[in-house]
Amino acid sequence: MSDETVFAQNIKTTMKKGFFNHAFMPMNSESPIYCVWEAKEGISDSQFQDFIDGPYGVNWGLVALNNNVMKIDLSLTGGQTPYERKF
């Protein structure tokens, strides 16, 4: 994230693949990091897990993080999201 050019290219690449990261929220340097991702319609849970664990996900292909994917049930929010949709 510190190299703005590389980070901007990563955003473009992930969007072409159907994913956008709205929020990156580390709790501190030793505990969980919460992220909010959006996926294009039709992306399955397993496709997202493969993406997030792969070379364009938050690990950039390394086994640095244990990514636990949790789907947000938008029916509980009346379909509203706190972020402007990208797809």
Protein backbone atom coordinates (compact mmCIF):
# COMPACT_ATOMS: atom_id res chain seq x y z
CA MET A 1 0.00 0.00 0.00
CA SER A 2 2.97 2.34 0.47
CA ASP A 3 3.76 2.37 -3.28
CA GLU A 4 0.87 4.38 -4.72
CA THR A 5 1.49 3.30 -8.31
CA VAL A 6 1.56 -0.42 -7.48
CA PHE A 7 -1.46 -0.03 -5.19
CA ALA A 8 -3.47 1.78 -7.90
CA GLN A 9 -2.66 -0.99 -10.38
CA ASN A 10 -3.76 -3.61 -7.82
CA ILE A 11 -7.12 -1.83 -7.47
CA LYS A 12 -7.62 -1.85 -11.25
CA THR A 13 -6.67 -5.53 -11.47
CA THR A 14 -8.98 -6.60 -8.66
CA MET A 15 -11.87 -4.64 -10.15
CA LYS A 16 -11.36 -6.37 -13.52
CA LYS A 17 -11.59 -9.67 -11.63
CA GLY A 18 -14.86 -8.53 -10.01
CA PHE A 19 -13.74 -7.45 -6.54
CA PHE A 20 -13.35 -4.13 -4.71
CA ASN A 21 -12.01 -3.50 -1.21
CA HIS A 22 -14.02 -0.81 0.56
CA ALA A 23 -12.31 -0.96 3.95
CA PHE A 24 -9.07 -2.20 5.52
CA MET A 25 -9.35 -2.03 9.33
CA PRO A 26 -6.47 -3.45 11.39
CA MET A 27 -7.35 -3.54 15.09
CA ASN A 28 -3.66 -3.32 16.06
CA SER A 29 -0.39 -4.88 14.91
CA GLU A 30 -1.06 -8.19 16.73
CA SER A 31 -4.76 -8.86 16.19
CA PRO A 32 -7.38 -9.32 13.48
CA ILE A 33 -7.72 -7.14 10.43
CA TYR A 34 -11.26 -6.64 9.20
CA CYS A 35 -11.93 -5.83 5.56
CA VAL A 36 -15.11 -5.11 3.65
CA TRP A 37 -15.03 -6.38 0.07
CA GLU A 38 -17.62 -6.12 -2.66
CA ALA A 39 -17.92 -8.78 -5.37
CA LYS A 40 -19.73 -8.57 -8.68
CA GLU A 41 -23.03 -10.38 -8.92
CA GLY A 42 -22.55 -14.07 -9.67
CA ILE A 43 -19.25 -14.52 -7.79
CA SER A 44 -19.55 -17.60 -5.58
CA ASP A 45 -18.25 -17.86 -2.02
CA SER A 46 -15.56 -20.31 -3.16
CA GLN A 47 -14.47 -17.99 -6.00
CA PHE A 48 -14.09 -15.15 -3.51
CA GLN A 49 -12.12 -17.35 -1.09
CA ASP A 50 -9.81 -18.39 -3.95
CA PHE A 51 -9.35 -14.74 -4.90
CA ILE A 52 -8.69 -13.47 -1.37
CA ASP A 53 -6.12 -16.22 -0.73
CA GLY A 54 -4.51 -15.80 -4.17
CA PRO A 55 -1.92 -13.46 -5.70
CA TYR A 56 -4.31 -10.48 -5.99
CA GLY A 57 -5.91 -10.86 -2.56
CA VAL A 58 -4.71 -9.38 0.71
CA ASN A 59 -1.84 -11.88 1.00
CA TRP A 60 -0.57 -11.21 -2.55
CA GLY A 61 -0.15 -14.98 -2.84
CA LEU A 62 1.71 -15.42 0.45
CA VAL A 63 0.43 -17.43 3.40
CA ALA A 64 0.61 -14.38 5.66
CA LEU A 65 -3.00 -14.20 6.83
CA ASN A 66 -5.75 -16.66 7.66
CA ASN A 67 -8.66 -15.24 5.67
CA ASN A 68 -12.09 -16.10 7.05
CA VAL A 69 -14.75 -14.97 4.60
CA MET A 70 -18.09 -13.94 6.09
CA LYS A 71 -20.94 -12.85 3.85
CA ILE A 72 -23.01 -9.83 4.92
CA ASP A 73 -26.73 -10.46 4.80
CA LEU A 74 -28.01 -7.24 3.23
CA SER A 75 -31.61 -8.25 3.94
CA LEU A 76 -30.84 -7.34 7.56
CA THR A 77 -29.98 -3.77 6.51
CA GLY A 78 -32.88 -3.28 4.14
CA GLY A 79 -30.46 -3.76 1.26
CA GLN A 80 -28.47 -0.70 2.28
CA THR A 81 -24.67 -0.65 2.39
CA PRO A 82 -22.43 1.92 4.11
CA TYR A 83 -20.37 2.19 0.89
CA GLU A 84 -21.19 3.29 -2.63
CA ARG A 85 -21.43 0.18 -4.77
CA LYS A 86 -18.73 -0.32 -7.38
CA PHE A 87 -20.55 -3.02 -9.36
